[in-house]
Amino acid sequence: AEHLEGKSLFMGCQHAVRQSALEREDGVCNAFMAGAPG
């Protein structure tokens, strides 16, 4: 709860990257996702 508070959509980066999870094709992992309805 304390880590998700105020976030409408939260995911994690599965690889250490320099600037962005999007530097890799598989940077954003689907194994953990949290979000507000709609």
PDB file of all heavy atoms in Angstrom:
ATOM      1  N   ALA A   1       0.818  -1.225   0.000  1.00  0.00           N
ATOM      2  CA  ALA A   1       0.000   0.000   0.000  1.00  0.00           C
ATOM      3  C   ALA A   1       0.844   1.264   0.000  1.00  0.00           C
ATOM      4  O   ALA A   1       0.580   2.194  -0.768  1.00  0.00           O
ATOM      5  CB  ALA A   1      -0.958  -0.011   1.188  1.00  0.00           C
ATOM      6  N   GLU A   2       1.871   1.308   0.827  1.00  0.00           N
ATOM      7  CA  GLU A   2       2.679   2.536   0.903  1.00  0.00           C
ATOM      8  C   GLU A   2       3.482   2.784  -0.371  1.00  0.00           C
ATOM      9  O   GLU A   2       3.809   3.918  -0.695  1.00  0.00           O
ATOM     10  CB  GLU A   2       3.597   2.510   2.124  1.00  0.00           C
ATOM     11  CG  GLU A   2       4.638   1.402   2.098  1.00  0.00           C
ATOM     12  CD  GLU A   2       5.351   1.242   3.434  1.00  0.00           C
ATOM     13  OE1 GLU A   2       4.674   1.006   4.445  1.00  0.00           O
ATOM     14  OE2 GLU A   2       6.589   1.359   3.434  1.00  0.00           O
ATOM     15  N   HIS A   3       3.779   1.744  -1.121  1.00  0.00           N
ATOM     16  CA  HIS A   3       4.549   1.900  -2.362  1.00  0.00           C
ATOM     17  C   HIS A   3       3.651   2.191  -3.565  1.00  0.00           C
ATOM     18  O   HIS A   3       4.116   2.702  -4.573  1.00  0.00           O
ATOM     19  CB  HIS A   3       5.396   0.663  -2.620  1.00  0.00           C
ATOM     20  CG  HIS A   3       6.425   0.437  -1.572  1.00  0.00           C
ATOM     21  ND1 HIS A   3       7.590   1.165  -1.509  1.00  0.00           N
ATOM     22  CD2 HIS A   3       6.454  -0.392  -0.511  1.00  0.00           C
ATOM     23  CE1 HIS A   3       8.302   0.780  -0.473  1.00  0.00           C
ATOM     24  NE2 HIS A   3       7.627  -0.168   0.157  1.00  0.00           N
ATOM     25  N   LEU A   4       2.374   1.842  -3.435  1.00  0.00           N
ATOM     26  CA  LEU A   4       1.445   2.040  -4.551  1.00  0.00           C
ATOM     27  C   LEU A   4       0.583   3.285  -4.383  1.00  0.00           C
ATOM     28  O   LEU A   4      -0.055   3.715  -5.339  1.00  0.00           O
ATOM     29  CB  LEU A   4       0.548   0.805  -4.697  1.00  0.00           C
ATOM     30  CG  LEU A   4       1.269  -0.508  -4.988  1.00  0.00           C
ATOM     31  CD1 LEU A   4       0.278  -1.655  -5.064  1.00  0.00           C
ATOM     32  CD2 LEU A   4       2.100  -0.421  -6.249  1.00  0.00           C
ATOM     33  N   GLU A   5       0.607   3.868  -3.215  1.00  0.00           N
ATOM     34  CA  GLU A   5      -0.230   5.037  -2.944  1.00  0.00           C
ATOM     35  C   GLU A   5       0.065   6.163  -3.930  1.00  0.00           C
ATOM     36  O   GLU A   5       1.217   6.510  -4.180  1.00  0.00           O
ATOM     37  CB  GLU A   5       0.009   5.529  -1.520  1.00  0.00           C
ATOM     38  CG  GLU A   5      -0.968   6.590  -1.088  1.00  0.00           C
ATOM     39  CD  GLU A   5      -0.808   6.962   0.373  1.00  0.00           C
ATOM     40  OE1 GLU A   5      -0.382   6.100   1.179  1.00  0.00           O
ATOM     41  OE2 GLU A   5      -1.093   8.118   0.691  1.00  0.00           O
ATOM     42  N   GLY A   6      -0.998   6.688  -4.501  1.00  0.00           N
ATOM     43  CA  GLY A   6      -0.868   7.804  -5.434  1.00  0.00           C
ATOM     44  C   GLY A   6      -0.459   7.407  -6.840  1.00  0.00           C
ATOM     45  O   GLY A   6      -0.279   8.263  -7.698  1.00  0.00           O
ATOM     46  N   LYS A   7      -0.308   6.121  -7.101  1.00  0.00           N
ATOM     47  CA  LYS A   7       0.082   5.652  -8.438  1.00  0.00           C
ATOM     48  C   LYS A   7      -1.133   5.016  -9.110  1.00  0.00           C
ATOM     49  O   LYS A   7      -1.759   4.130  -8.556  1.00  0.00           O
ATOM     50  CB  LYS A   7       1.218   4.646  -8.332  1.00  0.00           C
ATOM     51  CG  LYS A   7       2.487   5.248  -7.749  1.00  0.00           C
ATOM     52  CD  LYS A   7       3.530   4.164  -7.500  1.00  0.00           C
ATOM     53  CE  LYS A   7       4.826   4.730  -6.999  1.00  0.00           C
ATOM     54  NZ  LYS A   7       4.798   5.233  -5.650  1.00  0.00           N
ATOM     55  N   SER A   8      -1.429   5.446 -10.316  1.00  0.00           N
ATOM     56  CA  SER A   8      -2.579   4.876 -11.009  1.00  0.00           C
ATOM     57  C   SER A   8      -2.211   3.622 -11.806  1.00  0.00           C
ATOM     58  O   SER A   8      -3.076   2.820 -12.134  1.00  0.00           O
ATOM     59  CB  SER A   8      -3.227   5.910 -11.926  1.00  0.00           C
ATOM     60  OG  SER A   8      -2.325   6.318 -12.938  1.00  0.00           O
ATOM     61  N   LEU A   9      -0.922   3.454 -12.108  1.00  0.00           N
ATOM     62  CA  LEU A   9      -0.450   2.255 -12.805  1.00  0.00           C
ATOM     63  C   LEU A   9       1.020   2.057 -12.466  1.00  0.00           C
ATOM     64  O   LEU A   9       1.820   2.977 -12.614  1.00  0.00           O
ATOM     65  CB  LEU A   9      -0.630   2.405 -14.317  1.00  0.00           C
ATOM     66  CG  LEU A   9      -0.387   1.165 -15.170  1.00  0.00           C
ATOM     67  CD1 LEU A   9      -1.328   0.031 -14.780  1.00  0.00           C
ATOM     68  CD2 LEU A   9      -0.569   1.495 -16.638  1.00  0.00           C
ATOM     69  N   PHE A  10       1.372   0.864 -12.001  1.00  0.00           N
ATOM     70  CA  PHE A  10       2.725   0.597 -11.504  1.00  0.00           C
ATOM     71  C   PHE A  10       3.200  -0.749 -12.030  1.00  0.00           C
ATOM     72  O   PHE A  10       2.486  -1.750 -11.947  1.00  0.00           O
ATOM     73  CB  PHE A  10       2.691   0.571  -9.967  1.00  0.00           C
ATOM     74  CG  PHE A  10       4.016   0.314  -9.319  1.00  0.00           C
ATOM     75  CD1 PHE A  10       4.938   1.340  -9.154  1.00  0.00           C
ATOM     76  CD2 PHE A  10       4.336  -0.949  -8.854  1.00  0.00           C
ATOM     77  CE1 PHE A  10       6.158   1.108  -8.537  1.00  0.00           C
ATOM     78  CE2 PHE A  10       5.555  -1.193  -8.231  1.00  0.00           C
ATOM     79  CZ  PHE A  10       6.465  -0.159  -8.073  1.00  0.00           C
ATOM     80  N   MET A  11       4.411  -0.753 -12.583  1.00  0.00           N
ATOM     81  CA  MET A  11       5.042  -1.961 -13.118  1.00  0.00           C
ATOM     82  C   MET A  11       6.517  -1.895 -12.766  1.00  0.00           C
ATOM     83  O   MET A  11       6.979  -0.903 -12.221  1.00  0.00           O
ATOM     84  CB  MET A  11       4.864  -2.027 -14.635  1.00  0.00           C
ATOM     85  CG  MET A  11       3.433  -2.044 -15.062  1.00  0.00           C
ATOM     86  SD  MET A  11       3.305  -1.760 -16.830  1.00  0.00           S
ATOM     87  CE  MET A  11       1.537  -1.708 -16.986  1.00  0.00           C
ATOM     88  N   GLY A  12       7.242  -2.929 -13.115  1.00  0.00           N
ATOM     89  CA  GLY A  12       8.660  -2.934 -12.800  1.00  0.00           C
ATOM     90  C   GLY A  12       9.535  -3.261 -13.992  1.00  0.00           C
ATOM     91  O   GLY A  12       9.112  -3.899 -14.950  1.00  0.00           O
ATOM     92  N   CYS A  13      10.760  -2.815 -13.906  1.00  0.00           N
ATOM     93  CA  CYS A  13      11.780  -3.059 -14.919  1.00  0.00           C
ATOM     94  C   CYS A  13      12.555  -4.308 -14.513  1.00  0.00           C
ATOM     95  O   CYS A  13      13.058  -4.395 -13.402  1.00  0.00           O
ATOM     96  CB  CYS A  13      12.693  -1.846 -14.981  1.00  0.00           C
ATOM     97  SG  CYS A  13      14.062  -2.052 -16.104  1.00  0.00           S
ATOM     98  N   GLN A  14      12.665  -5.264 -15.406  1.00  0.00           N
ATOM     99  CA  GLN A  14      13.337  -6.510 -15.049  1.00  0.00           C
ATOM    100  C   GLN A  14      14.835  -6.523 -15.330  1.00  0.00           C
ATOM    101  O   GLN A  14      15.507  -7.455 -14.954  1.00  0.00           O
ATOM    102  CB  GLN A  14      12.662  -7.697 -15.719  1.00  0.00           C
ATOM    103  CG  GLN A  14      12.991  -7.884 -17.177  1.00  0.00           C
ATOM    104  CD  GLN A  14      12.360  -9.136 -17.733  1.00  0.00           C
ATOM    105  OE1 GLN A  14      11.291  -9.537 -17.335  1.00  0.00           O
ATOM    106  NE2 GLN A  14      13.031  -9.771 -18.657  1.00  0.00           N
ATOM    107  N   HIS A  15      15.342  -5.500 -15.975  1.00  0.00           N
ATOM    108  CA  HIS A  15      16.771  -5.434 -16.261  1.00  0.00           C
ATOM    109  C   HIS A  15      17.328  -4.110 -15.780  1.00  0.00           C
ATOM    110  O   HIS A  15      16.689  -3.079 -15.945  1.00  0.00           O
ATOM    111  CB  HIS A  15      17.052  -5.545 -17.767  1.00  0.00           C
ATOM    112  CG  HIS A  15      16.595  -6.828 -18.358  1.00  0.00           C
ATOM    113  ND1 HIS A  15      17.249  -8.009 -18.146  1.00  0.00           N
ATOM    114  CD2 HIS A  15      15.536  -7.126 -19.126  1.00  0.00           C
ATOM    115  CE1 HIS A  15      16.614  -8.973 -18.779  1.00  0.00           C
ATOM    116  NE2 HIS A  15      15.569  -8.461 -19.384  1.00  0.00           N
ATOM    117  N   ALA A  16      18.498  -4.155 -15.213  1.00  0.00           N
ATOM    118  CA  ALA A  16      19.159  -2.905 -14.851  1.00  0.00           C
ATOM    119  C   ALA A  16      19.489  -2.165 -16.142  1.00  0.00           C
ATOM    120  O   ALA A  16      20.096  -2.722 -17.045  1.00  0.00           O
ATOM    121  CB  ALA A  16      20.424  -3.191 -14.053  1.00  0.00           C
ATOM    122  N   VAL A  17      19.046  -0.945 -16.223  1.00  0.00           N
ATOM    123  CA  VAL A  17      19.285  -0.139 -17.418  1.00  0.00           C
ATOM    124  C   VAL A  17      19.800   1.222 -17.010  1.00  0.00           C
ATOM    125  O   VAL A  17      19.610   1.656 -15.879  1.00  0.00           O
ATOM    126  CB  VAL A  17      18.007   0.016 -18.276  1.00  0.00           C
ATOM    127  CG1 VAL A  17      17.616  -1.304 -18.893  1.00  0.00           C
ATOM    128  CG2 VAL A  17      16.864   0.570 -17.456  1.00  0.00           C
ATOM    129  N   ARG A  18      20.434   1.898 -17.924  1.00  0.00           N
ATOM    130  CA  ARG A  18      21.017   3.196 -17.604  1.00  0.00           C
ATOM    131  C   ARG A  18      19.972   4.289 -17.452  1.00  0.00           C
ATOM    132  O   ARG A  18      20.015   5.067 -16.532  1.00  0.00           O
ATOM    133  CB  ARG A  18      22.005   3.592 -18.695  1.00  0.00           C
ATOM    134  CG  ARG A  18      23.228   2.736 -18.661  1.00  0.00           C
ATOM    135  CD  ARG A  18      24.264   3.259 -19.624  1.00  0.00           C
ATOM    136  NE  ARG A  18      25.301   2.239 -19.734  1.00  0.00           N
ATOM    137  CZ  ARG A  18      25.956   1.987 -20.819  1.00  0.00           C
ATOM    138  NH1 ARG A  18      25.749   2.690 -21.899  1.00  0.00           N
ATOM    139  NH2 ARG A  18      26.867   1.047 -20.842  1.00  0.00           N
ATOM    140  N   GLN A  19      19.036   4.367 -18.388  1.00  0.00           N
ATOM    141  CA  GLN A  19      18.108   5.483 -18.353  1.00  0.00           C
ATOM    142  C   GLN A  19      16.649   5.069 -18.328  1.00  0.00           C
ATOM    143  O   GLN A  19      15.845   5.699 -17.687  1.00  0.00           O
ATOM    144  CB  GLN A  19      18.348   6.398 -19.553  1.00  0.00           C
ATOM    145  CG  GLN A  19      19.722   7.011 -19.519  1.00  0.00           C
ATOM    146  CD  GLN A  19      19.926   7.950 -20.693  1.00  0.00           C
ATOM    147  OE1 GLN A  19      19.019   8.246 -21.440  1.00  0.00           O
ATOM    148  NE2 GLN A  19      21.139   8.423 -20.851  1.00  0.00           N
ATOM    149  N   SER A  20      16.287   4.029 -19.019  1.00  0.00           N
ATOM    150  CA  SER A  20      14.876   3.698 -19.162  1.00  0.00           C
ATOM    151  C   SER A  20      14.676   2.205 -19.335  1.00  0.00           C
ATOM    152  O   SER A  20      15.480   1.534 -19.978  1.00  0.00           O
ATOM    153  CB  SER A  20      14.315   4.426 -20.383  1.00  0.00           C
ATOM    154  OG  SER A  20      13.062   3.914 -20.735  1.00  0.00           O
ATOM    155  N   ALA A  21      13.569   1.720 -18.787  1.00  0.00           N
ATOM    156  CA  ALA A  21      13.209   0.320 -18.984  1.00  0.00           C
ATOM    157  C   ALA A  21      12.965   0.029 -20.455  1.00  0.00           C
ATOM    158  O   ALA A  21      12.995  -1.118 -20.880  1.00  0.00           O
ATOM    159  CB  ALA A  21      11.948  -0.003 -18.190  1.00  0.00           C
ATOM    160  N   LEU A  22      12.728   1.049 -21.228  1.00  0.00           N
ATOM    161  CA  LEU A  22      12.391   0.863 -22.628  1.00  0.00           C
ATOM    162  C   LEU A  22      13.601   0.746 -23.536  1.00  0.00           C
ATOM    163  O   LEU A  22      13.466   0.662 -24.744  1.00  0.00           O
ATOM    164  CB  LEU A  22      11.483   2.002 -23.072  1.00  0.00           C
ATOM    165  CG  LEU A  22      10.205   2.109 -22.241  1.00  0.00           C
ATOM    166  CD1 LEU A  22       9.385   3.295 -22.696  1.00  0.00           C
ATOM    167  CD2 LEU A  22       9.405   0.837 -22.297  1.00  0.00           C
ATOM    168  N   GLU A  23      14.792   0.723 -22.971  1.00  0.00           N
ATOM    169  CA  GLU A  23      15.998   0.541 -23.775  1.00  0.00           C
ATOM    170  C   GLU A  23      16.127  -0.901 -24.258  1.00  0.00           C
ATOM    171  O   GLU A  23      16.886  -1.188 -25.152  1.00  0.00           O
ATOM    172  CB  GLU A  23      17.243   0.919 -22.970  1.00  0.00           C
ATOM    173  CG  GLU A  23      17.374   2.405 -22.741  1.00  0.00           C
ATOM    174  CD  GLU A  23      18.612   2.762 -21.946  1.00  0.00           C
ATOM    175  OE1 GLU A  23      19.443   1.879 -21.668  1.00  0.00           O
ATOM    176  OE2 GLU A  23      18.742   3.937 -21.596  1.00  0.00           O
ATOM    177  N   ARG A  24      15.390  -1.793 -23.633  1.00  0.00           N
ATOM    178  CA  ARG A  24      15.419  -3.208 -24.012  1.00  0.00           C
ATOM    179  C   ARG A  24      14.042  -3.610 -24.510  1.00  0.00           C
ATOM    180  O   ARG A  24      13.037  -3.058 -24.099  1.00  0.00           O
ATOM    181  CB  ARG A  24      15.785  -4.072 -22.817  1.00  0.00           C
ATOM    182  CG  ARG A  24      17.197  -3.899 -22.323  1.00  0.00           C
ATOM    183  CD  ARG A  24      17.452  -4.847 -21.179  1.00  0.00           C
ATOM    184  NE  ARG A  24      17.242  -6.215 -21.594  1.00  0.00           N
ATOM    185  CZ  ARG A  24      18.211  -7.109 -21.750  1.00  0.00           C
ATOM    186  NH1 ARG A  24      19.451  -6.783 -21.519  1.00  0.00           N
ATOM    187  NH2 ARG A  24      17.937  -8.336 -22.128  1.00  0.00           N
ATOM    188  N   GLU A  25      14.011  -4.621 -25.342  1.00  0.00           N
ATOM    189  CA  GLU A  25      12.731  -5.097 -25.857  1.00  0.00           C
ATOM    190  C   GLU A  25      11.865  -5.647 -24.728  1.00  0.00           C
ATOM    191  O   GLU A  25      10.651  -5.564 -24.766  1.00  0.00           O
ATOM    192  CB  GLU A  25      12.990  -6.188 -26.903  1.00  0.00           C
ATOM    193  CG  GLU A  25      11.743  -6.685 -27.562  1.00  0.00           C
ATOM    194  CD  GLU A  25      12.018  -7.672 -28.671  1.00  0.00           C
ATOM    195  OE1 GLU A  25      13.182  -7.840 -29.071  1.00  0.00           O
ATOM    196  OE2 GLU A  25      11.056  -8.279 -29.136  1.00  0.00           O
ATOM    197  N   ASP A  26      12.498  -6.214 -23.716  1.00  0.00           N
ATOM    198  CA  ASP A  26      11.757  -6.840 -22.622  1.00  0.00           C
ATOM    199  C   ASP A  26      12.011  -6.145 -21.295  1.00  0.00           C
ATOM    200  O   ASP A  26      12.076  -6.752 -20.252  1.00  0.00           O
ATOM    201  CB  ASP A  26      12.105  -8.311 -22.515  1.00  0.00           C
ATOM    202  CG  ASP A  26      13.596  -8.557 -22.282  1.00  0.00           C
ATOM    203  OD1 ASP A  26      14.386  -7.594 -22.354  1.00  0.00           O
ATOM    204  OD2 ASP A  26      13.974  -9.695 -22.023  1.00  0.00           O
ATOM    205  N   GLY A  27      12.146  -4.838 -21.317  1.00  0.00           N
ATOM    206  CA  GLY A  27      12.465  -4.101 -20.109  1.00  0.00           C
ATOM    207  C   GLY A  27      11.373  -4.079 -19.064  1.00  0.00           C
ATOM    208  O   GLY A  27      11.632  -4.169 -17.877  1.00  0.00           O
ATOM    209  N   VAL A  28      10.116  -3.947 -19.480  1.00  0.00           N
ATOM    210  CA  VAL A  28       9.013  -3.892 -18.532  1.00  0.00           C
ATOM    211  C   VAL A  28       8.441  -5.294 -18.391  1.00  0.00           C
ATOM    212  O   VAL A  28       7.978  -5.885 -19.362  1.00  0.00           O
ATOM    213  CB  VAL A  28       7.914  -2.908 -18.999  1.00  0.00           C
ATOM    214  CG1 VAL A  28       6.816  -2.803 -17.951  1.00  0.00           C
ATOM    215  CG2 VAL A  28       8.508  -1.539 -19.290  1.00  0.00           C
ATOM    216  N   CYS A  29       8.489  -5.826 -17.194  1.00  0.00           N
ATOM    217  CA  CYS A  29       8.079  -7.212 -16.977  1.00  0.00           C
ATOM    218  C   CYS A  29       6.620  -7.290 -16.534  1.00  0.00           C
ATOM    219  O   CYS A  29       6.145  -6.469 -15.754  1.00  0.00           O
ATOM    220  CB  CYS A  29       8.981  -7.851 -15.925  1.00  0.00           C
ATOM    221  SG  CYS A  29       8.743  -9.637 -15.809  1.00  0.00           S
ATOM    222  N   ASN A  30       5.921  -8.291 -17.012  1.00  0.00           N
ATOM    223  CA  ASN A  30       4.512  -8.489 -16.702  1.00  0.00           C
ATOM    224  C   ASN A  30       4.274  -9.355 -15.467  1.00  0.00           C
ATOM    225  O   ASN A  30       3.129  -9.648 -15.128  1.00  0.00           O
ATOM    226  CB  ASN A  30       3.805  -9.128 -17.902  1.00  0.00           C
ATOM    227  CG  ASN A  30       4.395 -10.483 -18.230  1.00  0.00           C
ATOM    228  OD1 ASN A  30       5.592 -10.591 -18.488  1.00  0.00           O
ATOM    229  ND2 ASN A  30       3.583 -11.513 -18.219  1.00  0.00           N
ATOM    230  N   ALA A  31       5.306  -9.726 -14.736  1.00  0.00           N
ATOM    231  CA  ALA A  31       5.143 -10.606 -13.582  1.00  0.00           C
ATOM    232  C   ALA A  31       4.540  -9.897 -12.375  1.00  0.00           C
ATOM    233  O   ALA A  31       4.049 -10.547 -11.452  1.00  0.00           O
ATOM    234  CB  ALA A  31       6.486 -11.233 -13.203  1.00  0.00           C
ATOM    235  N   PHE A  32       4.559  -8.567 -12.365  1.00  0.00           N
ATOM    236  CA  PHE A  32       3.943  -7.775 -11.305  1.00  0.00           C
ATOM    237  C   PHE A  32       3.395  -6.500 -11.925  1.00  0.00           C
ATOM    238  O   PHE A  32       4.141  -5.748 -12.554  1.00  0.00           O
ATOM    239  CB  PHE A  32       4.962  -7.418 -10.219  1.00  0.00           C
ATOM    240  CG  PHE A  32       4.366  -6.673  -9.053  1.00  0.00           C
ATOM    241  CD1 PHE A  32       4.051  -7.342  -7.884  1.00  0.00           C
ATOM    242  CD2 PHE A  32       4.115  -5.320  -9.128  1.00  0.00           C
ATOM    243  CE1 PHE A  32       3.494  -6.672  -6.812  1.00  0.00           C
ATOM    244  CE2 PHE A  32       3.559  -4.630  -8.067  1.00  0.00           C
ATOM    245  CZ  PHE A  32       3.241  -5.313  -6.902  1.00  0.00           C
ATOM    246  N   MET A  33       2.091  -6.279 -11.760  1.00  0.00           N
ATOM    247  CA  MET A  33       1.452  -5.075 -12.281  1.00  0.00           C
ATOM    248  C   MET A  33       0.374  -4.649 -11.291  1.00  0.00           C
ATOM    249  O   MET A  33      -0.299  -5.501 -10.710  1.00  0.00           O
ATOM    250  CB  MET A  33       0.794  -5.348 -13.635  1.00  0.00           C
ATOM    251  CG  MET A  33       1.746  -5.862 -14.705  1.00  0.00           C
ATOM    252  SD  MET A  33       0.911  -6.275 -16.258  1.00  0.00           S
ATOM    253  CE  MET A  33       0.134  -7.838 -15.842  1.00  0.00           C
ATOM    254  N   ALA A  34       0.216  -3.357 -11.110  1.00  0.00           N
ATOM    255  CA  ALA A  34      -0.831  -2.837 -10.233  1.00  0.00           C
ATOM    256  C   ALA A  34      -1.442  -1.614 -10.883  1.00  0.00           C
ATOM    257  O   ALA A  34      -0.730  -0.822 -11.515  1.00  0.00           O
ATOM    258  CB  ALA A  34      -0.256  -2.472  -8.871  1.00  0.00           C
ATOM    259  N   GLY A  35      -2.748  -1.471 -10.748  1.00  0.00           N
ATOM    260  CA  GLY A  35      -3.363  -0.317 -11.358  1.00  0.00           C
ATOM    261  C   GLY A  35      -4.770  -0.034 -10.873  1.00  0.00           C
ATOM    262  O   GLY A  35      -5.429  -0.890 -10.278  1.00  0.00           O
ATOM    263  N   ALA A  36      -5.201   1.175 -11.158  1.00  0.00           N
ATOM    264  CA  ALA A  36      -6.549   1.611 -10.834  1.00  0.00           C
ATOM    265  C   ALA A  36      -7.521   1.058 -11.880  1.00  0.00           C
ATOM    266  O   ALA A  36      -7.148   0.873 -13.039  1.00  0.00           O
ATOM    267  CB  ALA A  36      -6.599   3.138 -10.827  1.00  0.00           C
ATOM    268  N   PRO A  37      -8.756   0.804 -11.489  1.00  0.00           N
ATOM    269  CA  PRO A  37      -9.743   0.320 -12.459  1.00  0.00           C
ATOM    270  C   PRO A  37      -9.983   1.346 -13.571  1.00  0.00           C
ATOM    271  O   PRO A  37      -9.942   2.551 -13.336  1.00  0.00           O
ATOM    272  CB  PRO A  37     -11.012   0.120 -11.621  1.00  0.00           C
ATOM    273  CG  PRO A  37     -10.812   0.892 -10.376  1.00  0.00           C
ATOM    274  CD  PRO A  37      -9.330   1.014 -10.164  1.00  0.00           C
ATOM    275  N   GLY A  38     -10.163   0.829 -14.785  1.00  0.00           N
ATOM    276  CA  GLY A  38     -10.461   1.693 -15.911  1.00  0.00           C
ATOM    277  C   GLY A  38      -9.305   2.546 -16.403  1.00  0.00           C
ATOM    278  O   GLY A  38      -9.511   3.481 -17.168  1.00  0.00           O
TER     279      GLY A  38
END
